[in-house]
PDB file of all heavy atoms in Angstrom:
ATOM      1  N   VAL A   1      29.675  65.866 113.223  1.00  0.00           N
ATOM      2  CA  VAL A   1      29.288  64.472 113.378  1.00  0.00           C
ATOM      3  C   VAL A   1      28.111  64.142 112.505  1.00  0.00           C
ATOM      4  O   VAL A   1      27.878  62.986 112.122  1.00  0.00           O
ATOM      5  CB  VAL A   1      29.003  64.136 114.854  1.00  0.00           C
ATOM      6  CG1 VAL A   1      27.680  64.789 115.286  1.00  0.00           C
ATOM      7  CG2 VAL A   1      28.976  62.603 115.084  1.00  0.00           C
ATOM      8  N   SER A   2      27.287  65.136 112.159  1.00  0.00           N
ATOM      9  CA  SER A   2      26.129  64.850 111.291  1.00  0.00           C
ATOM     10  C   SER A   2      26.522  64.491 109.902  1.00  0.00           C
ATOM     11  O   SER A   2      25.710  63.994 109.109  1.00  0.00           O
ATOM     12  CB  SER A   2      25.209  66.069 111.269  1.00  0.00           C
ATOM     13  OG  SER A   2      25.894  67.234 110.778  1.00  0.00           O
ATOM     14  N   ALA A   3      27.797  64.758 109.503  1.00  0.00           N
ATOM     15  CA  ALA A   3      28.253  64.408 108.173  1.00  0.00           C
ATOM     16  C   ALA A   3      28.631  62.919 108.040  1.00  0.00           C
ATOM     17  O   ALA A   3      28.873  62.437 106.947  1.00  0.00           O
ATOM     18  CB  ALA A   3      29.470  65.256 107.801  1.00  0.00           C
ATOM     19  N   PHE A   4      28.709  62.231 109.191  1.00  0.00           N
ATOM     20  CA  PHE A   4      29.060  60.811 109.186  1.00  0.00           C
ATOM     21  C   PHE A   4      27.747  59.979 109.377  1.00  0.00           C
ATOM     22  O   PHE A   4      26.786  60.481 109.931  1.00  0.00           O
ATOM     23  CB  PHE A   4      30.035  60.469 110.297  1.00  0.00           C
ATOM     24  CG  PHE A   4      31.374  61.148 110.116  1.00  0.00           C
ATOM     25  CD1 PHE A   4      31.604  62.437 110.579  1.00  0.00           C
ATOM     26  CD2 PHE A   4      32.398  60.479 109.449  1.00  0.00           C
ATOM     27  CE1 PHE A   4      32.838  63.055 110.402  1.00  0.00           C
ATOM     28  CE2 PHE A   4      33.646  61.103 109.254  1.00  0.00           C
ATOM     29  CZ  PHE A   4      33.854  62.374 109.744  1.00  0.00           C
ATOM     30  N   ALA A   5      27.816  58.745 108.967  1.00  0.00           N
ATOM     31  CA  ALA A   5      26.666  57.845 109.113  1.00  0.00           C
ATOM     32  C   ALA A   5      27.164  56.470 109.487  1.00  0.00           C
ATOM     33  O   ALA A   5      28.302  56.060 109.159  1.00  0.00           O
ATOM     34  CB  ALA A   5      25.874  57.785 107.804  1.00  0.00           C
ATOM     35  N   GLY A   6      26.327  55.750 110.189  1.00  0.00           N
ATOM     36  CA  GLY A   6      26.658  54.364 110.563  1.00  0.00           C
ATOM     37  C   GLY A   6      27.757  54.254 111.567  1.00  0.00           C
ATOM     38  O   GLY A   6      27.959  55.146 112.438  1.00  0.00           O
ATOM     39  N   PRO A   7      28.580  53.199 111.493  1.00  0.00           N
ATOM     40  CA  PRO A   7      29.653  52.967 112.472  1.00  0.00           C
ATOM     41  C   PRO A   7      30.727  54.071 112.480  1.00  0.00           C
ATOM     42  O   PRO A   7      31.331  54.357 113.504  1.00  0.00           O
ATOM     43  CB  PRO A   7      30.279  51.628 111.999  1.00  0.00           C
ATOM     44  CG  PRO A   7      29.197  50.983 111.202  1.00  0.00           C
ATOM     45  CD  PRO A   7      28.416  52.060 110.533  1.00  0.00           C
ATOM     46  N   SER A   8      30.956  54.702 111.310  1.00  0.00           N
ATOM     47  CA  SER A   8      31.967  55.757 111.259  1.00  0.00           C
ATOM     48  C   SER A   8      31.588  56.932 112.127  1.00  0.00           C
ATOM     49  O   SER A   8      32.457  57.617 112.721  1.00  0.00           O
ATOM     50  CB  SER A   8      32.189  56.220 109.814  1.00  0.00           C
ATOM     51  OG  SER A   8      30.948  56.715 109.277  1.00  0.00           O
ATOM     52  N   ALA A   9      30.287  57.220 112.268  1.00  0.00           N
ATOM     53  CA  ALA A   9      29.824  58.323 113.129  1.00  0.00           C
ATOM     54  C   ALA A   9      30.117  57.995 114.579  1.00  0.00           C
ATOM     55  O   ALA A   9      30.536  58.866 115.360  1.00  0.00           O
ATOM     56  CB  ALA A   9      28.329  58.573 112.929  1.00  0.00           C
ATOM     57  N   LEU A  10      29.901  56.719 114.973  1.00  0.00           N
ATOM     58  CA  LEU A  10      30.160  56.311 116.353  1.00  0.00           C
ATOM     59  C   LEU A  10      31.660  56.403 116.662  1.00  0.00           C
ATOM     60  O   LEU A  10      32.060  56.875 117.733  1.00  0.00           O
ATOM     61  CB  LEU A  10      29.652  54.885 116.591  1.00  0.00           C
ATOM     62  CG  LEU A  10      29.904  54.324 117.963  1.00  0.00           C
ATOM     63  CD1 LEU A  10      29.225  55.160 119.031  1.00  0.00           C
ATOM     64  CD2 LEU A  10      29.431  52.849 118.030  1.00  0.00           C
ATOM     65  N   ILE A  11      32.496  55.934 115.704  1.00  0.00           N
ATOM     66  CA  ILE A  11      33.947  55.980 115.913  1.00  0.00           C
ATOM     67  C   ILE A  11      34.407  57.429 116.020  1.00  0.00           C
ATOM     68  O   ILE A  11      35.217  57.803 116.917  1.00  0.00           O
ATOM     69  CB  ILE A  11      34.660  55.264 114.761  1.00  0.00           C
ATOM     70  CG1 ILE A  11      34.350  53.772 114.782  1.00  0.00           C
ATOM     71  CG2 ILE A  11      36.178  55.509 114.844  1.00  0.00           C
ATOM     72  CD1 ILE A  11      34.899  53.019 113.567  1.00  0.00           C
ATOM     73  N   PHE A  12      33.938  58.297 115.120  1.00  0.00           N
ATOM     74  CA  PHE A  12      34.321  59.731 115.174  1.00  0.00           C
ATOM     75  C   PHE A  12      33.873  60.361 116.491  1.00  0.00           C
ATOM     76  O   PHE A  12      34.659  61.132 117.104  1.00  0.00           O
ATOM     77  CB  PHE A  12      33.639  60.455 114.005  1.00  0.00           C
ATOM     78  CG  PHE A  12      33.923  61.924 113.971  1.00  0.00           C
ATOM     79  CD1 PHE A  12      35.138  62.429 113.589  1.00  0.00           C
ATOM     80  CD2 PHE A  12      32.913  62.827 114.362  1.00  0.00           C
ATOM     81  CE1 PHE A  12      35.393  63.804 113.555  1.00  0.00           C
ATOM     82  CE2 PHE A  12      33.159  64.185 114.350  1.00  0.00           C
ATOM     83  CZ  PHE A  12      34.387  64.678 113.946  1.00  0.00           C
ATOM     84  N   ASP A  13      32.697  60.006 116.975  1.00  0.00           N
ATOM     85  CA  ASP A  13      32.181  60.574 118.213  1.00  0.00           C
ATOM     86  C   ASP A  13      33.062  60.159 119.396  1.00  0.00           C
ATOM     87  O   ASP A  13      33.437  60.972 120.233  1.00  0.00           O
ATOM     88  CB  ASP A  13      30.750  60.110 118.430  1.00  0.00           C
ATOM     89  CG  ASP A  13      29.853  61.237 118.887  1.00  0.00           C
ATOM     90  OD1 ASP A  13      30.245  62.416 118.722  1.00  0.00           O
ATOM     91  OD2 ASP A  13      28.777  60.959 119.448  1.00  0.00           O
ATOM     92  N   ASN A  14      33.409  58.863 119.445  1.00  0.00           N
ATOM     93  CA  ASN A  14      34.176  58.353 120.575  1.00  0.00           C
ATOM     94  C   ASN A  14      35.614  58.899 120.568  1.00  0.00           C
ATOM     95  O   ASN A  14      36.170  59.230 121.629  1.00  0.00           O
ATOM     96  CB  ASN A  14      34.188  56.808 120.546  1.00  0.00           C
ATOM     97  CG  ASN A  14      32.813  56.238 120.858  1.00  0.00           C
ATOM     98  OD1 ASN A  14      31.997  56.867 121.533  1.00  0.00           O
ATOM     99  ND2 ASN A  14      32.568  55.029 120.373  1.00  0.00           N
ATOM    100  N   VAL A  15      36.237  58.957 119.390  1.00  0.00           N
ATOM    101  CA  VAL A  15      37.605  59.473 119.304  1.00  0.00           C
ATOM    102  C   VAL A  15      37.641  60.931 119.749  1.00  0.00           C
ATOM    103  O   VAL A  15      38.533  61.334 120.531  1.00  0.00           O
ATOM    104  CB  VAL A  15      38.131  59.297 117.877  1.00  0.00           C
ATOM    105  CG1 VAL A  15      39.468  60.043 117.719  1.00  0.00           C
ATOM    106  CG2 VAL A  15      38.344  57.820 117.553  1.00  0.00           C
ATOM    107  N   CYS A  16      36.712  61.720 119.239  1.00  0.00           N
ATOM    108  CA  CYS A  16      36.666  63.157 119.629  1.00  0.00           C
ATOM    109  C   CYS A  16      36.466  63.311 121.119  1.00  0.00           C
ATOM    110  O   CYS A  16      37.095  64.171 121.760  1.00  0.00           O
ATOM    111  CB  CYS A  16      35.595  63.862 118.860  1.00  0.00           C
ATOM    112  SG  CYS A  16      35.934  64.075 117.101  1.00  0.00           S
ATOM    113  N   MET A  17      35.583  62.499 121.694  1.00  0.00           N
ATOM    114  CA  MET A  17      35.300  62.620 123.115  1.00  0.00           C
ATOM    115  C   MET A  17      36.533  62.244 123.945  1.00  0.00           C
ATOM    116  O   MET A  17      36.866  62.954 124.949  1.00  0.00           O
ATOM    117  CB  MET A  17      34.126  61.704 123.485  1.00  0.00           C
ATOM    118  CG  MET A  17      33.698  61.823 124.935  1.00  0.00           C
ATOM    119  SD  MET A  17      32.145  60.910 125.261  1.00  0.00           S
ATOM    120  CE  MET A  17      32.632  59.247 124.821  1.00  0.00           C
ATOM    121  N   ILE A  18      37.268  61.202 123.543  1.00  0.00           N
ATOM    122  CA  ILE A  18      38.443  60.795 124.308  1.00  0.00           C
ATOM    123  C   ILE A  18      39.543  61.862 124.172  1.00  0.00           C
ATOM    124  O   ILE A  18      40.191  62.229 125.175  1.00  0.00           O
ATOM    125  CB  ILE A  18      38.948  59.429 123.778  1.00  0.00           C
ATOM    126  CG1 ILE A  18      37.932  58.345 124.136  1.00  0.00           C
ATOM    127  CG2 ILE A  18      40.326  59.104 124.395  1.00  0.00           C
ATOM    128  CD1 ILE A  18      38.247  56.995 123.506  1.00  0.00           C
ATOM    129  N   VAL A  19      39.801  62.348 122.954  1.00  0.00           N
ATOM    130  CA  VAL A  19      40.858  63.352 122.759  1.00  0.00           C
ATOM    131  C   VAL A  19      40.547  64.628 123.521  1.00  0.00           C
ATOM    132  O   VAL A  19      41.432  65.170 124.205  1.00  0.00           O
ATOM    133  CB  VAL A  19      41.046  63.644 121.241  1.00  0.00           C
ATOM    134  CG1 VAL A  19      41.985  64.814 121.039  1.00  0.00           C
ATOM    135  CG2 VAL A  19      41.560  62.416 120.534  1.00  0.00           C
ATOM    136  N   LEU A  20      39.319  65.113 123.400  1.00  0.00           N
ATOM    137  CA  LEU A  20      38.958  66.341 124.118  1.00  0.00           C
ATOM    138  C   LEU A  20      39.027  66.147 125.625  1.00  0.00           C
ATOM    139  O   LEU A  20      39.433  67.067 126.380  1.00  0.00           O
ATOM    140  CB  LEU A  20      37.568  66.774 123.707  1.00  0.00           C
ATOM    141  CG  LEU A  20      37.403  67.306 122.265  1.00  0.00           C
ATOM    142  CD1 LEU A  20      35.924  67.539 121.934  1.00  0.00           C
ATOM    143  CD2 LEU A  20      38.195  68.610 122.106  1.00  0.00           C
ATOM    144  N   GLY A  21      38.644  64.943 126.111  1.00  0.00           N
ATOM    145  CA  GLY A  21      38.695  64.662 127.539  1.00  0.00           C
ATOM    146  C   GLY A  21      40.136  64.682 128.062  1.00  0.00           C
ATOM    147  O   GLY A  21      40.438  65.275 129.092  1.00  0.00           O
ATOM    148  N   VAL A  22      41.051  64.042 127.315  1.00  0.00           N
ATOM    149  CA  VAL A  22      42.470  63.996 127.740  1.00  0.00           C
ATOM    150  C   VAL A  22      43.073  65.401 127.736  1.00  0.00           C
ATOM    151  O   VAL A  22      43.766  65.788 128.675  1.00  0.00           O
ATOM    152  CB  VAL A  22      43.248  63.044 126.818  1.00  0.00           C
ATOM    153  CG1 VAL A  22      44.754  63.180 127.081  1.00  0.00           C
ATOM    154  CG2 VAL A  22      42.789  61.604 126.998  1.00  0.00           C
ATOM    155  N   VAL A  23      42.791  66.177 126.686  1.00  0.00           N
ATOM    156  CA  VAL A  23      43.343  67.535 126.588  1.00  0.00           C
ATOM    157  C   VAL A  23      42.822  68.389 127.737  1.00  0.00           C
ATOM    158  O   VAL A  23      43.554  69.181 128.355  1.00  0.00           O
ATOM    159  CB  VAL A  23      43.009  68.152 125.226  1.00  0.00           C
ATOM    160  CG1 VAL A  23      43.424  69.624 125.202  1.00  0.00           C
ATOM    161  CG2 VAL A  23      43.704  67.406 124.103  1.00  0.00           C
ATOM    162  N   THR A  24      41.537  68.259 128.047  1.00  0.00           N
ATOM    163  CA  THR A  24      40.948  69.044 129.130  1.00  0.00           C
ATOM    164  C   THR A  24      41.588  68.718 130.478  1.00  0.00           C
ATOM    165  O   THR A  24      41.927  69.636 131.260  1.00  0.00           O
ATOM    166  CB  THR A  24      39.433  68.781 129.220  1.00  0.00           C
ATOM    167  OG1 THR A  24      38.820  69.133 127.977  1.00  0.00           O
ATOM    168  CG2 THR A  24      38.812  69.608 130.333  1.00  0.00           C
ATOM    169  N   VAL A  25      41.795  67.466 130.737  1.00  0.00           N
ATOM    170  CA  VAL A  25      42.446  67.066 132.009  1.00  0.00           C
ATOM    171  C   VAL A  25      43.860  67.630 132.070  1.00  0.00           C
ATOM    172  O   VAL A  25      44.295  68.162 133.110  1.00  0.00           O
ATOM    173  CB  VAL A  25      42.466  65.514 132.128  1.00  0.00           C
ATOM    174  CG1 VAL A  25      43.332  65.110 133.328  1.00  0.00           C
ATOM    175  CG2 VAL A  25      41.033  64.980 132.299  1.00  0.00           C
ATOM    176  N   LEU A  26      44.620  67.530 130.982  1.00  0.00           N
ATOM    177  CA  LEU A  26      46.007  68.029 130.957  1.00  0.00           C
ATOM    178  C   LEU A  26      46.065  69.552 131.191  1.00  0.00           C
ATOM    179  O   LEU A  26      46.913  70.044 131.940  1.00  0.00           O
ATOM    180  CB  LEU A  26      46.671  67.641 129.652  1.00  0.00           C
ATOM    181  CG  LEU A  26      46.959  66.174 129.459  1.00  0.00           C
ATOM    182  CD1 LEU A  26      47.565  65.916 128.050  1.00  0.00           C
ATOM    183  CD2 LEU A  26      47.893  65.600 130.516  1.00  0.00           C
ATOM    184  N   VAL A  27      45.166  70.266 130.500  1.00  0.00           N
ATOM    185  CA  VAL A  27      45.140  71.733 130.643  1.00  0.00           C
ATOM    186  C   VAL A  27      44.802  72.143 132.070  1.00  0.00           C
ATOM    187  O   VAL A  27      45.470  73.051 132.625  1.00  0.00           O
ATOM    188  CB  VAL A  27      44.160  72.368 129.666  1.00  0.00           C
ATOM    189  CG1 VAL A  27      43.924  73.839 129.963  1.00  0.00           C
ATOM    190  CG2 VAL A  27      44.625  72.199 128.217  1.00  0.00           C
ATOM    191  N   ASN A  28      43.893  71.467 132.690  1.00  0.00           N
ATOM    192  CA  ASN A  28      43.537  71.801 134.086  1.00  0.00           C
ATOM    193  C   ASN A  28      44.669  71.485 135.041  1.00  0.00           C
ATOM    194  O   ASN A  28      44.916  72.230 135.998  1.00  0.00           O
ATOM    195  CB  ASN A  28      42.241  71.083 134.477  1.00  0.00           C
ATOM    196  CG  ASN A  28      40.997  71.747 133.952  1.00  0.00           C
ATOM    197  OD1 ASN A  28      40.590  72.809 134.399  1.00  0.00           O
ATOM    198  ND2 ASN A  28      40.384  71.131 132.961  1.00  0.00           N
ATOM    199  N   ILE A  29      45.356  70.347 134.789  1.00  0.00           N
ATOM    200  CA  ILE A  29      46.524  70.027 135.623  1.00  0.00           C
ATOM    201  C   ILE A  29      47.607  71.094 135.506  1.00  0.00           C
ATOM    202  O   ILE A  29      48.193  71.533 136.501  1.00  0.00           O
ATOM    203  CB  ILE A  29      47.052  68.629 135.258  1.00  0.00           C
ATOM    204  CG1 ILE A  29      46.054  67.570 135.689  1.00  0.00           C
ATOM    205  CG2 ILE A  29      48.398  68.394 135.893  1.00  0.00           C
ATOM    206  CD1 ILE A  29      46.446  66.154 135.229  1.00  0.00           C
ATOM    207  N   VAL A  30      47.861  71.536 134.256  1.00  0.00           N
ATOM    208  CA  VAL A  30      48.885  72.564 134.017  1.00  0.00           C
ATOM    209  C   VAL A  30      48.482  73.859 134.703  1.00  0.00           C
ATOM    210  O   VAL A  30      49.325  74.538 135.336  1.00  0.00           O
ATOM    211  CB  VAL A  30      49.088  72.778 132.513  1.00  0.00           C
ATOM    212  CG1 VAL A  30      49.950  74.013 132.269  1.00  0.00           C
ATOM    213  CG2 VAL A  30      49.735  71.569 131.857  1.00  0.00           C
ATOM    214  N   PHE A  31      47.207  74.234 134.614  1.00  0.00           N
ATOM    215  CA  PHE A  31      46.758  75.499 135.241  1.00  0.00           C
ATOM    216  C   PHE A  31      46.901  75.416 136.763  1.00  0.00           C
ATOM    217  O   PHE A  31      47.349  76.393 137.381  1.00  0.00           O
ATOM    218  CB  PHE A  31      45.317  75.775 134.870  1.00  0.00           C
ATOM    219  CG  PHE A  31      44.721  76.960 135.564  1.00  0.00           C
ATOM    220  CD1 PHE A  31      45.120  78.261 135.208  1.00  0.00           C
ATOM    221  CD2 PHE A  31      43.789  76.828 136.556  1.00  0.00           C
ATOM    222  CE1 PHE A  31      44.599  79.366 135.830  1.00  0.00           C
ATOM    223  CE2 PHE A  31      43.252  77.938 137.215  1.00  0.00           C
ATOM    224  CZ  PHE A  31      43.665  79.206 136.833  1.00  0.00           C
ATOM    225  N   ILE A  32      46.522  74.326 137.358  1.00  0.00           N
ATOM    226  CA  ILE A  32      46.637  74.173 138.816  1.00  0.00           C
ATOM    227  C   ILE A  32      48.097  74.216 139.221  1.00  0.00           C
ATOM    228  O   ILE A  32      48.477  74.862 140.239  1.00  0.00           O
ATOM    229  CB  ILE A  32      45.978  72.869 139.270  1.00  0.00           C
ATOM    230  CG1 ILE A  32      44.457  72.944 139.058  1.00  0.00           C
ATOM    231  CG2 ILE A  32      46.271  72.587 140.753  1.00  0.00           C
ATOM    232  CD1 ILE A  32      43.718  71.647 139.290  1.00  0.00           C
ATOM    233  N   ALA A  33      48.983  73.531 138.444  1.00  0.00           N
ATOM    234  CA  ALA A  33      50.409  73.510 138.765  1.00  0.00           C
ATOM    235  C   ALA A  33      50.982  74.911 138.650  1.00  0.00           C
ATOM    236  O   ALA A  33      51.775  75.339 139.529  1.00  0.00           O
ATOM    237  CB  ALA A  33      51.148  72.549 137.834  1.00  0.00           C
ATOM    238  N   LEU A  34      50.651  75.646 137.584  1.00  0.00           N
ATOM    239  CA  LEU A  34      51.148  77.004 137.399  1.00  0.00           C
ATOM    240  C   LEU A  34      50.676  77.901 138.528  1.00  0.00           C
ATOM    241  O   LEU A  34      51.416  78.757 139.021  1.00  0.00           O
ATOM    242  CB  LEU A  34      50.707  77.567 136.059  1.00  0.00           C
ATOM    243  CG  LEU A  34      51.499  77.135 134.819  1.00  0.00           C
ATOM    244  CD1 LEU A  34      50.873  77.691 133.556  1.00  0.00           C
ATOM    245  CD2 LEU A  34      52.960  77.566 134.921  1.00  0.00           C
ATOM    246  N   SER A  35      49.430  77.744 138.941  1.00  0.00           N
ATOM    247  CA  SER A  35      48.888  78.558 140.022  1.00  0.00           C
ATOM    248  C   SER A  35      49.675  78.320 141.334  1.00  0.00           C
ATOM    249  O   SER A  35      50.009  79.313 142.045  1.00  0.00           O
ATOM    250  CB  SER A  35      47.407  78.225 140.258  1.00  0.00           C
ATOM    251  OG  SER A  35      46.653  78.484 139.102  1.00  0.00           O
ATOM    252  N   CYS A  36      49.967  77.079 141.621  1.00  0.00           N
ATOM    253  CA  CYS A  36      50.778  76.757 142.842  1.00  0.00           C
ATOM    254  C   CYS A  36      52.173  77.330 142.743  1.00  0.00           C
ATOM    255  O   CYS A  36      52.681  77.898 143.726  1.00  0.00           O
ATOM    256  CB  CYS A  36      50.822  75.268 143.048  1.00  0.00           C
ATOM    257  SG  CYS A  36      49.198  74.503 143.439  1.00  0.00           S
ATOM    258  N   VAL A  37      52.784  77.186 141.567  1.00  0.00           N
ATOM    259  CA  VAL A  37      54.145  77.714 141.379  1.00  0.00           C
ATOM    260  C   VAL A  37      54.184  79.211 141.513  1.00  0.00           C
ATOM    261  O   VAL A  37      55.059  79.799 142.184  1.00  0.00           O
ATOM    262  CB  VAL A  37      54.698  77.271 140.021  1.00  0.00           C
ATOM    263  CG1 VAL A  37      56.008  77.985 139.726  1.00  0.00           C
ATOM    264  CG2 VAL A  37      54.922  75.765 140.001  1.00  0.00           C
ATOM    265  N   LYS A  38      53.210  79.917 140.861  1.00  0.00           N
ATOM    266  CA  LYS A  38      53.172  81.374 140.945  1.00  0.00           C
ATOM    267  C   LYS A  38      52.962  81.834 142.384  1.00  0.00           C
ATOM    268  O   LYS A  38      53.597  82.790 142.844  1.00  0.00           O
ATOM    269  CB  LYS A  38      52.034  81.914 140.057  1.00  0.00           C
ATOM    270  CG  LYS A  38      52.225  81.668 138.568  1.00  0.00           C
ATOM    271  CD  LYS A  38      53.371  82.492 138.013  1.00  0.00           C
ATOM    272  CE  LYS A  38      53.487  82.315 136.496  1.00  0.00           C
ATOM    273  NZ  LYS A  38      54.632  83.063 135.927  1.00  0.00           N
ATOM    274  N   SER A  39      52.070  81.173 143.114  1.00  0.00           N
ATOM    275  CA  SER A  39      51.791  81.562 144.462  1.00  0.00           C
ATOM    276  C   SER A  39      53.016  81.389 145.340  1.00  0.00           C
ATOM    277  O   SER A  39      53.358  82.266 146.147  1.00  0.00           O
ATOM    278  CB  SER A  39      50.625  80.719 145.016  1.00  0.00           C
ATOM    279  OG  SER A  39      50.304  81.059 146.353  1.00  0.00           O
ATOM    280  N   MET A  40      53.737  80.271 145.207  1.00  0.00           N
ATOM    281  CA  MET A  40      54.920  80.040 146.010  1.00  0.00           C
ATOM    282  C   MET A  40      56.049  80.992 145.605  1.00  0.00           C
ATOM    283  O   MET A  40      56.808  81.450 146.478  1.00  0.00           O
ATOM    284  CB  MET A  40      55.390  78.575 145.864  1.00  0.00           C
ATOM    285  CG  MET A  40      54.470  77.595 146.526  1.00  0.00           C
ATOM    286  SD  MET A  40      55.123  75.875 146.520  1.00  0.00           S
ATOM    287  CE  MET A  40      55.128  75.548 144.760  1.00  0.00           C
ATOM    288  N   THR A  41      56.167  81.319 144.324  1.00  0.00           N
ATOM    289  CA  THR A  41      57.195  82.226 143.856  1.00  0.00           C
ATOM    290  C   THR A  41      57.026  83.620 144.427  1.00  0.00           C
ATOM    291  O   THR A  41      57.958  84.265 144.898  1.00  0.00           O
ATOM    292  CB  THR A  41      57.212  82.300 142.317  1.00  0.00           C
ATOM    293  OG1 THR A  41      57.455  80.994 141.790  1.00  0.00           O
ATOM    294  CG2 THR A  41      58.295  83.253 141.829  1.00  0.00           C
ATOM    295  N   VAL A  42      55.760  84.093 144.382  1.00  0.00           N
ATOM    296  CA  VAL A  42      55.465  85.429 144.933  1.00  0.00           C
ATOM    297  C   VAL A  42      55.721  85.457 146.439  1.00  0.00           C
ATOM    298  O   VAL A  42      56.315  86.436 146.975  1.00  0.00           O
ATOM    299  CB  VAL A  42      53.994  85.811 144.639  1.00  0.00           C
ATOM    300  CG1 VAL A  42      53.616  87.084 145.411  1.00  0.00           C
ATOM    301  CG2 VAL A  42      53.808  86.058 143.147  1.00  0.00           C
ATOM    302  N   GLY A  43      55.325  84.414 147.139  1.00  0.00           N
ATOM    303  CA  GLY A  43      55.593  84.350 148.586  1.00  0.00           C
ATOM    304  C   GLY A  43      57.075  84.353 148.882  1.00  0.00           C
ATOM    305  O   GLY A  43      57.495  85.034 149.813  1.00  0.00           O
TER     306      GLY A  43
END
């Protein structure tokens, strides 16, 4: 982000934050779902 200046830096910062936030939420949902499925399968 230090390579950008002005409005482009703000846009780059916001886009990265949104993309990383969405990916993190999806990965955690997948992990929780897999954990439940594995637990029920073993049982």
